[in-house]
Amino acid sequence: MGIEIVRGDITAQEVDAVVNAANSSLLGGGGVDGAIHRRGGPGILAECRRLRDSSHRDGLPAGQAVATTAGELPARWVIHTVGPVYTTAEDRSHLLASCYVESLRVAGELGAETVAFPTISTGAYGWPLDDAARVAIAAVSETATSNVTTRRFVLFDSPAYAAFESALARAEG
């Protein structure tokens, strides 16, 4: 299993599955979620609406994951996961880790070999970047799946890249 860190646009990744830092409605939003919906086209939103009409009537809870088509993205699937909102009043790092673990579980069930992850909860949800990187690297490196061989973190800017590079170096000892 390999962990890769790249700087770039997650919507341009040629992988089996792209992970979406979604909101609980599954109906699109800002940041990564909005970019994936815009570039992936209406097929993603149509499948998300079907999920909302059936198995996820109340939305997707934080820490869980579900897959849809990738529409016009160069991936086969989008795995939607909802990160927790950061607060100093309660440690929610187990929910943040669960986003990565559950996304890998779904990827394994789909038969995906390559998965691209964004940072989760670091935008509007306020999670400090260095801590989010630590949680993400630990969760992804400790999660076994039968077929996911490449786990790629796609980081939009230099601060995110530096945080994940540092977290990976610490994890590798």
N, C-alpha and C. Protein backbone atom coordinates (compact mmCIF):
# COMPACT_ATOMS: atom_id res chain seq x y z
N MET A 1 0.85 -1.18 0.00
CA MET A 1 0.00 0.00 0.00
C MET A 1 0.88 1.23 0.00
N GLY A 2 0.58 2.17 -0.90
CA GLY A 2 1.35 3.40 -0.96
C GLY A 2 0.52 4.61 -0.64
N ILE A 3 1.12 5.54 0.10
CA ILE A 3 0.49 6.83 0.37
C ILE A 3 1.25 7.86 -0.44
N GLU A 4 0.51 8.60 -1.24
CA GLU A 4 1.09 9.66 -2.06
C GLU A 4 0.55 11.00 -1.60
N ILE A 5 1.38 12.02 -1.72
CA ILE A 5 0.96 13.39 -1.43
C ILE A 5 1.29 14.21 -2.66
N VAL A 6 0.27 14.83 -3.26
CA VAL A 6 0.48 15.66 -4.44
C VAL A 6 -0.24 16.99 -4.25
N ARG A 7 0.28 18.00 -4.91
CA ARG A 7 -0.41 19.28 -4.92
C ARG A 7 -1.18 19.34 -6.23
N GLY A 8 -2.46 19.68 -6.17
CA GLY A 8 -3.22 19.74 -7.40
C GLY A 8 -4.71 19.88 -7.19
N ASP A 9 -5.43 19.54 -8.23
CA ASP A 9 -6.89 19.66 -8.29
C ASP A 9 -7.49 18.26 -8.19
N ILE A 10 -8.24 18.00 -7.16
CA ILE A 10 -8.80 16.66 -6.96
C ILE A 10 -9.76 16.27 -8.08
N THR A 11 -10.37 17.24 -8.72
CA THR A 11 -11.33 16.90 -9.78
C THR A 11 -10.62 16.45 -11.07
N ALA A 12 -9.31 16.58 -11.13
CA ALA A 12 -8.55 16.17 -12.31
C ALA A 12 -7.82 14.84 -12.12
N GLN A 13 -8.03 14.19 -10.99
CA GLN A 13 -7.30 12.96 -10.68
C GLN A 13 -7.84 11.76 -11.45
N GLU A 14 -6.95 11.06 -12.11
CA GLU A 14 -7.31 9.85 -12.83
C GLU A 14 -7.11 8.66 -11.90
N VAL A 15 -8.12 8.40 -11.09
CA VAL A 15 -8.12 7.34 -10.09
C VAL A 15 -9.44 6.59 -10.18
N ASP A 16 -9.53 5.49 -9.46
CA ASP A 16 -10.81 4.77 -9.43
C ASP A 16 -11.86 5.55 -8.65
N ALA A 17 -11.47 6.12 -7.50
CA ALA A 17 -12.44 6.83 -6.65
C ALA A 17 -11.84 8.12 -6.12
N VAL A 18 -12.65 9.16 -6.16
CA VAL A 18 -12.32 10.45 -5.57
C VAL A 18 -13.21 10.62 -4.34
N VAL A 19 -12.61 11.01 -3.24
CA VAL A 19 -13.38 11.25 -2.02
C VAL A 19 -13.82 12.72 -2.01
N ASN A 20 -15.07 12.92 -1.70
CA ASN A 20 -15.67 14.26 -1.63
C ASN A 20 -15.88 14.65 -0.18
N ALA A 21 -15.36 15.80 0.21
CA ALA A 21 -15.64 16.36 1.52
C ALA A 21 -17.00 17.04 1.42
N ALA A 22 -18.03 16.23 1.58
CA ALA A 22 -19.42 16.66 1.34
C ALA A 22 -20.03 17.30 2.57
N ASN A 23 -21.18 17.93 2.36
CA ASN A 23 -21.99 18.32 3.51
C ASN A 23 -23.07 17.26 3.68
N SER A 24 -23.74 17.26 4.79
CA SER A 24 -24.66 16.17 5.11
C SER A 24 -25.85 16.07 4.16
N SER A 25 -26.17 17.15 3.46
CA SER A 25 -27.31 17.10 2.54
C SER A 25 -27.01 16.27 1.30
N LEU A 26 -25.72 16.10 0.98
CA LEU A 26 -25.28 15.41 -0.23
C LEU A 26 -25.68 16.14 -1.51
N LEU A 27 -26.14 17.36 -1.41
CA LEU A 27 -26.67 18.06 -2.58
C LEU A 27 -25.75 19.16 -3.09
N GLY A 28 -24.48 19.06 -2.79
CA GLY A 28 -23.52 20.05 -3.27
C GLY A 28 -23.32 21.16 -2.26
N GLY A 29 -22.28 21.91 -2.45
CA GLY A 29 -21.96 23.00 -1.53
C GLY A 29 -20.78 23.77 -2.05
N GLY A 30 -19.95 24.26 -1.15
CA GLY A 30 -18.78 25.02 -1.53
C GLY A 30 -17.53 24.15 -1.50
N GLY A 31 -16.39 24.76 -1.69
CA GLY A 31 -15.10 24.09 -1.59
C GLY A 31 -14.99 22.87 -2.49
N VAL A 32 -14.41 21.81 -1.96
CA VAL A 32 -14.22 20.56 -2.71
C VAL A 32 -15.57 20.03 -3.19
N ASP A 33 -16.56 20.06 -2.33
CA ASP A 33 -17.89 19.55 -2.68
C ASP A 33 -18.45 20.26 -3.91
N GLY A 34 -18.39 21.57 -3.93
CA GLY A 34 -18.89 22.33 -5.06
C GLY A 34 -18.09 22.06 -6.33
N ALA A 35 -16.77 21.95 -6.19
CA ALA A 35 -15.91 21.69 -7.34
C ALA A 35 -16.22 20.33 -7.95
N ILE A 36 -16.40 19.32 -7.12
CA ILE A 36 -16.71 17.97 -7.62
C ILE A 36 -18.06 17.96 -8.32
N HIS A 37 -19.05 18.59 -7.74
CA HIS A 37 -20.38 18.63 -8.37
C HIS A 37 -20.34 19.42 -9.69
N ARG A 38 -19.62 20.55 -9.71
CA ARG A 38 -19.55 21.35 -10.94
C ARG A 38 -18.85 20.59 -12.07
N ARG A 39 -17.69 20.05 -11.78
CA ARG A 39 -16.92 19.37 -12.83
C ARG A 39 -17.51 18.01 -13.18
N GLY A 40 -18.09 17.33 -12.21
CA GLY A 40 -18.66 16.00 -12.46
C GLY A 40 -19.99 16.03 -13.18
N GLY A 41 -20.67 17.16 -13.15
CA GLY A 41 -21.93 17.29 -13.87
C GLY A 41 -23.14 16.79 -13.11
N PRO A 42 -24.30 16.83 -13.76
CA PRO A 42 -25.57 16.56 -13.09
C PRO A 42 -25.79 15.11 -12.67
N GLY A 43 -25.02 14.18 -13.21
CA GLY A 43 -25.20 12.77 -12.83
C GLY A 43 -24.91 12.52 -11.36
N ILE A 44 -23.93 13.21 -10.82
CA ILE A 44 -23.59 13.05 -9.40
C ILE A 44 -24.75 13.54 -8.54
N LEU A 45 -25.25 14.72 -8.84
CA LEU A 45 -26.36 15.28 -8.07
C LEU A 45 -27.60 14.40 -8.18
N ALA A 46 -27.86 13.85 -9.35
CA ALA A 46 -29.03 12.97 -9.53
C ALA A 46 -28.92 11.74 -8.62
N GLU A 47 -27.73 11.15 -8.55
CA GLU A 47 -27.57 9.98 -7.66
C GLU A 47 -27.65 10.38 -6.20
N CYS A 48 -27.12 11.55 -5.87
CA CYS A 48 -27.23 12.02 -4.48
C CYS A 48 -28.70 12.24 -4.10
N ARG A 49 -29.48 12.77 -5.02
CA ARG A 49 -30.91 12.96 -4.75
C ARG A 49 -31.61 11.62 -4.54
N ARG A 50 -31.23 10.61 -5.33
CA ARG A 50 -31.81 9.28 -5.13
C ARG A 50 -31.46 8.73 -3.75
N LEU A 51 -30.23 8.96 -3.31
CA LEU A 51 -29.83 8.53 -1.97
C LEU A 51 -30.67 9.24 -0.91
N ARG A 52 -30.90 10.54 -1.10
CA ARG A 52 -31.70 11.31 -0.15
C ARG A 52 -33.16 10.84 -0.14
N ASP A 53 -33.64 10.35 -1.27
CA ASP A 53 -35.02 9.87 -1.36
C ASP A 53 -35.18 8.45 -0.84
N SER A 54 -34.07 7.75 -0.59
CA SER A 54 -34.16 6.35 -0.17
C SER A 54 -33.41 6.12 1.14
N SER A 55 -32.16 5.72 1.06
CA SER A 55 -31.42 5.27 2.24
C SER A 55 -30.91 6.39 3.15
N HIS A 56 -30.86 7.63 2.68
CA HIS A 56 -30.32 8.72 3.49
C HIS A 56 -31.27 9.91 3.54
N ARG A 57 -32.51 9.64 3.93
CA ARG A 57 -33.54 10.68 3.98
C ARG A 57 -33.15 11.87 4.86
N ASP A 58 -32.41 11.61 5.93
CA ASP A 58 -32.01 12.68 6.84
C ASP A 58 -30.61 13.20 6.54
N GLY A 59 -30.04 12.79 5.42
CA GLY A 59 -28.69 13.20 5.07
C GLY A 59 -27.67 12.18 5.54
N LEU A 60 -26.42 12.45 5.27
CA LEU A 60 -25.32 11.55 5.64
C LEU A 60 -24.69 12.07 6.93
N PRO A 61 -24.66 11.25 7.98
CA PRO A 61 -24.05 11.69 9.24
C PRO A 61 -22.53 11.84 9.13
N ALA A 62 -21.96 12.68 9.95
CA ALA A 62 -20.51 12.86 10.00
C ALA A 62 -19.83 11.53 10.27
N GLY A 63 -18.73 11.30 9.56
CA GLY A 63 -17.94 10.09 9.76
C GLY A 63 -18.36 8.91 8.90
N GLN A 64 -19.46 9.02 8.16
CA GLN A 64 -19.91 7.93 7.29
C GLN A 64 -19.58 8.26 5.84
N ALA A 65 -19.72 7.27 4.96
CA ALA A 65 -19.40 7.47 3.55
C ALA A 65 -20.35 6.68 2.67
N VAL A 66 -20.57 7.19 1.46
CA VAL A 66 -21.45 6.56 0.48
C VAL A 66 -20.92 6.92 -0.91
N ALA A 67 -21.13 6.03 -1.88
CA ALA A 67 -20.59 6.25 -3.23
C ALA A 67 -21.68 6.56 -4.24
N THR A 68 -21.27 7.33 -5.26
CA THR A 68 -22.10 7.60 -6.43
C THR A 68 -21.21 7.50 -7.66
N THR A 69 -21.81 7.68 -8.80
CA THR A 69 -21.06 7.81 -10.05
C THR A 69 -20.11 9.00 -9.92
N ALA A 70 -19.11 9.04 -10.78
CA ALA A 70 -18.23 10.21 -10.84
C ALA A 70 -18.63 11.14 -11.97
N GLY A 71 -19.70 10.79 -12.67
CA GLY A 71 -20.17 11.66 -13.75
C GLY A 71 -19.09 11.90 -14.78
N GLU A 72 -18.76 13.16 -15.01
CA GLU A 72 -17.79 13.53 -16.03
C GLU A 72 -16.36 13.67 -15.49
N LEU A 73 -16.15 13.30 -14.24
CA LEU A 73 -14.79 13.31 -13.68
C LEU A 73 -13.99 12.17 -14.29
N PRO A 74 -12.66 12.24 -14.28
CA PRO A 74 -11.85 11.15 -14.81
C PRO A 74 -11.72 9.97 -13.84
N ALA A 75 -12.56 9.89 -12.85
CA ALA A 75 -12.61 8.78 -11.90
C ALA A 75 -13.84 7.94 -12.21
N ARG A 76 -13.94 6.77 -11.58
CA ARG A 76 -15.12 5.92 -11.78
C ARG A 76 -16.22 6.26 -10.77
N TRP A 77 -15.80 6.58 -9.53
CA TRP A 77 -16.77 6.83 -8.46
C TRP A 77 -16.37 8.06 -7.65
N VAL A 78 -17.38 8.64 -7.00
CA VAL A 78 -17.15 9.65 -5.97
C VAL A 78 -17.64 9.02 -4.67
N ILE A 79 -16.78 9.07 -3.67
CA ILE A 79 -17.16 8.61 -2.34
C ILE A 79 -17.36 9.84 -1.49
N HIS A 80 -18.60 10.06 -1.08
CA HIS A 80 -18.97 11.25 -0.30
C HIS A 80 -18.82 10.92 1.18
N THR A 81 -18.18 11.81 1.92
CA THR A 81 -18.06 11.66 3.37
C THR A 81 -18.23 13.03 4.00
N VAL A 82 -18.80 13.04 5.18
CA VAL A 82 -19.07 14.30 5.88
C VAL A 82 -18.16 14.40 7.09
N GLY A 83 -17.32 15.39 7.09
CA GLY A 83 -16.43 15.60 8.22
C GLY A 83 -17.13 16.31 9.37
N PRO A 84 -16.56 16.18 10.56
CA PRO A 84 -17.13 16.88 11.71
C PRO A 84 -16.70 18.35 11.74
N VAL A 85 -17.51 19.16 12.37
CA VAL A 85 -17.14 20.56 12.63
C VAL A 85 -16.18 20.56 13.81
N TYR A 86 -15.09 21.30 13.69
CA TYR A 86 -14.10 21.37 14.76
C TYR A 86 -14.62 22.22 15.92
N THR A 87 -14.33 21.75 17.12
CA THR A 87 -14.64 22.51 18.33
C THR A 87 -13.61 22.16 19.40
N THR A 88 -13.25 23.13 20.21
CA THR A 88 -12.34 22.85 21.31
C THR A 88 -13.09 22.27 22.51
N ALA A 89 -14.42 22.30 22.47
CA ALA A 89 -15.24 21.81 23.58
C ALA A 89 -15.37 20.29 23.60
N GLU A 90 -15.06 19.63 22.47
CA GLU A 90 -15.24 18.18 22.38
C GLU A 90 -14.24 17.62 21.38
N ASP A 91 -13.61 16.51 21.73
CA ASP A 91 -12.68 15.86 20.80
C ASP A 91 -13.47 15.03 19.79
N ARG A 92 -13.48 15.47 18.55
CA ARG A 92 -14.21 14.78 17.49
C ARG A 92 -13.26 14.11 16.49
N SER A 93 -12.01 13.93 16.90
CA SER A 93 -11.03 13.37 15.98
C SER A 93 -11.40 11.95 15.55
N HIS A 94 -12.15 11.22 16.37
CA HIS A 94 -12.60 9.87 15.96
C HIS A 94 -13.55 9.96 14.76
N LEU A 95 -14.35 11.02 14.70
CA LEU A 95 -15.25 11.20 13.55
C LEU A 95 -14.46 11.58 12.30
N LEU A 96 -13.44 12.41 12.47
CA LEU A 96 -12.61 12.78 11.33
C LEU A 96 -11.88 11.54 10.80
N ALA A 97 -11.31 10.74 11.68
CA ALA A 97 -10.64 9.50 11.26
C ALA A 97 -11.63 8.56 10.57
N SER A 98 -12.85 8.50 11.07
CA SER A 98 -13.87 7.63 10.48
C SER A 98 -14.18 8.01 9.04
N CYS A 99 -14.07 9.29 8.69
CA CYS A 99 -14.29 9.71 7.30
C CYS A 99 -13.35 8.97 6.36
N TYR A 100 -12.10 8.88 6.75
CA TYR A 100 -11.09 8.21 5.93
C TYR A 100 -11.27 6.70 5.95
N VAL A 101 -11.51 6.15 7.13
CA VAL A 101 -11.69 4.70 7.27
C VAL A 101 -12.91 4.23 6.48
N GLU A 102 -14.03 4.93 6.65
CA GLU A 102 -15.26 4.54 5.95
C GLU A 102 -15.13 4.74 4.44
N SER A 103 -14.42 5.78 4.01
CA SER A 103 -14.19 5.97 2.58
C SER A 103 -13.38 4.82 2.00
N LEU A 104 -12.38 4.36 2.73
CA LEU A 104 -11.59 3.21 2.27
C LEU A 104 -12.42 1.93 2.28
N ARG A 105 -13.31 1.79 3.26
CA ARG A 105 -14.19 0.61 3.29
C ARG A 105 -15.07 0.59 2.05
N VAL A 106 -15.69 1.73 1.73
CA VAL A 106 -16.55 1.82 0.56
C VAL A 106 -15.72 1.56 -0.71
N ALA A 107 -14.53 2.14 -0.78
CA ALA A 107 -13.66 1.93 -1.95
C ALA A 107 -13.35 0.44 -2.12
N GLY A 108 -13.07 -0.24 -1.02
CA GLY A 108 -12.80 -1.66 -1.08
C GLY A 108 -14.00 -2.45 -1.59
N GLU A 109 -15.18 -2.08 -1.13
CA GLU A 109 -16.41 -2.75 -1.58
C GLU A 109 -16.65 -2.53 -3.07
N LEU A 110 -16.25 -1.37 -3.58
CA LEU A 110 -16.42 -1.06 -5.00
C LEU A 110 -15.39 -1.77 -5.88
N GLY A 111 -14.29 -2.20 -5.27
CA GLY A 111 -13.20 -2.79 -6.03
C GLY A 111 -12.18 -1.77 -6.48
N ALA A 112 -12.21 -0.59 -5.91
CA ALA A 112 -11.27 0.48 -6.28
C ALA A 112 -9.85 0.11 -5.84
N GLU A 113 -8.89 0.43 -6.69
CA GLU A 113 -7.48 0.22 -6.35
C GLU A 113 -6.79 1.53 -6.02
N THR A 114 -7.26 2.63 -6.61
CA THR A 114 -6.66 3.94 -6.37
C THR A 114 -7.72 4.90 -5.86
N VAL A 115 -7.37 5.62 -4.79
CA VAL A 115 -8.31 6.55 -4.15
C VAL A 115 -7.60 7.88 -3.91
N ALA A 116 -8.26 8.97 -4.27
CA ALA A 116 -7.74 10.32 -4.03
C ALA A 116 -8.57 11.00 -2.95
N PHE A 117 -7.88 11.53 -1.95
CA PHE A 117 -8.52 12.22 -0.82
C PHE A 117 -8.20 13.70 -0.82
N PRO A 118 -9.18 14.54 -0.46
CA PRO A 118 -8.88 15.94 -0.16
C PRO A 118 -8.62 16.04 1.35
N THR A 119 -8.34 17.24 1.82
CA THR A 119 -8.39 17.44 3.26
C THR A 119 -9.86 17.48 3.64
N ILE A 120 -10.20 16.94 4.77
CA ILE A 120 -11.59 16.91 5.23
C ILE A 120 -11.70 17.74 6.50
N SER A 121 -12.71 18.58 6.55
CA SER A 121 -13.06 19.43 7.70
C SER A 121 -12.13 20.63 7.91
N THR A 122 -11.19 20.87 6.99
CA THR A 122 -10.24 21.96 7.21
C THR A 122 -10.70 23.30 6.66
N GLY A 123 -11.75 23.30 5.87
CA GLY A 123 -12.26 24.55 5.30
C GLY A 123 -13.27 25.19 6.24
N ALA A 124 -14.50 25.23 5.80
CA ALA A 124 -15.58 25.87 6.55
C ALA A 124 -15.81 25.21 7.92
N TYR A 125 -15.40 23.94 8.07
CA TYR A 125 -15.63 23.24 9.34
C TYR A 125 -14.53 23.52 10.36
N GLY A 126 -13.50 24.27 9.97
CA GLY A 126 -12.56 24.87 10.91
C GLY A 126 -11.50 23.99 11.55
N TRP A 127 -11.28 22.77 11.05
CA TRP A 127 -10.29 21.89 11.69
C TRP A 127 -8.88 22.42 11.41
N PRO A 128 -8.04 22.55 12.44
CA PRO A 128 -6.66 23.01 12.22
C PRO A 128 -5.91 22.05 11.29
N LEU A 129 -5.26 22.61 10.30
CA LEU A 129 -4.64 21.83 9.23
C LEU A 129 -3.63 20.80 9.72
N ASP A 130 -2.74 21.18 10.62
CA ASP A 130 -1.72 20.24 11.10
C ASP A 130 -2.35 19.04 11.80
N ASP A 131 -3.36 19.29 12.61
CA ASP A 131 -4.02 18.19 13.32
C ASP A 131 -4.83 17.33 12.35
N ALA A 132 -5.51 17.96 11.39
CA ALA A 132 -6.27 17.20 10.39
C ALA A 132 -5.34 16.30 9.59
N ALA A 133 -4.16 16.79 9.25
CA ALA A 133 -3.18 15.98 8.51
C ALA A 133 -2.73 14.79 9.34
N ARG A 134 -2.46 15.01 10.62
CA ARG A 134 -2.04 13.93 11.51
C ARG A 134 -3.10 12.84 11.58
N VAL A 135 -4.35 13.24 11.78
CA VAL A 135 -5.46 12.28 11.87
C VAL A 135 -5.64 11.54 10.55
N ALA A 136 -5.58 12.26 9.44
CA ALA A 136 -5.80 11.66 8.12
C ALA A 136 -4.72 10.64 7.79
N ILE A 137 -3.46 11.00 7.97
CA ILE A 137 -2.35 10.09 7.66
C ILE A 137 -2.43 8.85 8.53
N ALA A 138 -2.71 9.02 9.81
CA ALA A 138 -2.82 7.85 10.71
C ALA A 138 -3.96 6.94 10.28
N ALA A 139 -5.12 7.51 10.00
CA ALA A 139 -6.28 6.70 9.63
C ALA A 139 -6.03 5.94 8.33
N VAL A 140 -5.49 6.61 7.33
CA VAL A 140 -5.28 5.98 6.03
C VAL A 140 -4.17 4.92 6.09
N SER A 141 -3.14 5.19 6.86
CA SER A 141 -2.04 4.22 6.93
C SER A 141 -2.39 3.00 7.78
N GLU A 142 -3.31 3.14 8.70
CA GLU A 142 -3.67 2.03 9.59
C GLU A 142 -4.86 1.21 9.10
N THR A 143 -5.50 1.62 8.00
CA THR A 143 -6.70 0.95 7.52
C THR A 143 -6.34 -0.05 6.43
N ALA A 144 -6.65 -1.30 6.67
CA ALA A 144 -6.38 -2.35 5.69
C ALA A 144 -7.60 -2.52 4.78
N THR A 145 -7.33 -2.66 3.50
CA THR A 145 -8.37 -3.03 2.54
C THR A 145 -7.76 -4.07 1.61
N SER A 146 -8.62 -4.88 1.03
CA SER A 146 -8.12 -5.97 0.21
C SER A 146 -7.55 -5.50 -1.12
N ASN A 147 -8.01 -4.38 -1.65
CA ASN A 147 -7.58 -4.02 -3.00
C ASN A 147 -7.12 -2.59 -3.19
N VAL A 148 -7.27 -1.68 -2.24
CA VAL A 148 -6.82 -0.30 -2.43
C VAL A 148 -5.30 -0.27 -2.24
N THR A 149 -4.59 -0.06 -3.34
CA THR A 149 -3.13 -0.07 -3.31
C THR A 149 -2.53 1.32 -3.28
N THR A 150 -3.25 2.32 -3.79
CA THR A 150 -2.75 3.69 -3.80
C THR A 150 -3.74 4.60 -3.10
N ARG A 151 -3.24 5.31 -2.11
CA ARG A 151 -4.02 6.27 -1.34
C ARG A 151 -3.33 7.62 -1.53
N ARG A 152 -3.98 8.49 -2.27
CA ARG A 152 -3.36 9.76 -2.67
C ARG A 152 -4.08 10.92 -1.99
N PHE A 153 -3.30 11.77 -1.32
CA PHE A 153 -3.84 13.02 -0.78
C PHE A 153 -3.56 14.10 -1.81
N VAL A 154 -4.62 14.74 -2.28
CA VAL A 154 -4.51 15.80 -3.28
C VAL A 154 -4.75 17.11 -2.56
N LEU A 155 -3.71 17.92 -2.49
CA LEU A 155 -3.73 19.12 -1.66
C LEU A 155 -3.68 20.35 -2.55
N PHE A 156 -4.60 21.25 -2.28
CA PHE A 156 -4.85 22.39 -3.16
C PHE A 156 -3.79 23.49 -3.06
N ASP A 157 -3.21 23.65 -1.87
CA ASP A 157 -2.27 24.76 -1.70
C ASP A 157 -1.03 24.34 -0.92
N SER A 158 -0.06 25.23 -0.86
CA SER A 158 1.22 24.94 -0.20
C SER A 158 1.09 24.65 1.29
N PRO A 159 0.28 25.39 2.06
CA PRO A 159 0.16 25.07 3.49
C PRO A 159 -0.38 23.64 3.72
N ALA A 160 -1.37 23.24 2.94
CA ALA A 160 -1.91 21.88 3.10
C ALA A 160 -0.86 20.85 2.71
N TYR A 161 -0.16 21.08 1.62
CA TYR A 161 0.89 20.15 1.19
C TYR A 161 1.95 20.01 2.29
N ALA A 162 2.39 21.12 2.85
CA ALA A 162 3.42 21.10 3.90
C ALA A 162 2.94 20.35 5.14
N ALA A 163 1.69 20.57 5.53
CA ALA A 163 1.14 19.89 6.71
C ALA A 163 1.08 18.37 6.50
N PHE A 164 0.65 17.94 5.32
CA PHE A 164 0.55 16.51 5.05
C PHE A 164 1.92 15.88 4.84
N GLU A 165 2.83 16.61 4.24
CA GLU A 165 4.20 16.11 4.06
C GLU A 165 4.85 15.88 5.42
N SER A 166 4.66 16.81 6.32
CA SER A 166 5.21 16.71 7.68
C SER A 166 4.57 15.55 8.45
N ALA A 167 3.25 15.42 8.35
CA ALA A 167 2.54 14.34 9.05
C ALA A 167 2.98 12.97 8.53
N LEU A 168 3.17 12.85 7.22
CA LEU A 168 3.61 11.59 6.65
C LEU A 168 5.04 11.26 7.09
N ALA A 169 5.90 12.26 7.11
CA ALA A 169 7.29 12.03 7.56
C ALA A 169 7.31 11.55 9.01
N ARG A 170 6.49 12.16 9.87
CA ARG A 170 6.42 11.73 11.27
C ARG A 170 5.88 10.31 11.38
N ALA A 171 4.89 9.97 10.58
CA ALA A 171 4.30 8.63 10.64
C ALA A 171 5.28 7.56 10.16
N GLU A 172 6.10 7.91 9.19
CA GLU A 172 7.07 6.96 8.66
C GLU A 172 8.31 6.84 9.54
N GLY A 173 8.40 7.74 10.53
CA GLY A 173 9.45 7.67 11.54
C GLY A 173 10.77 8.05 11.07
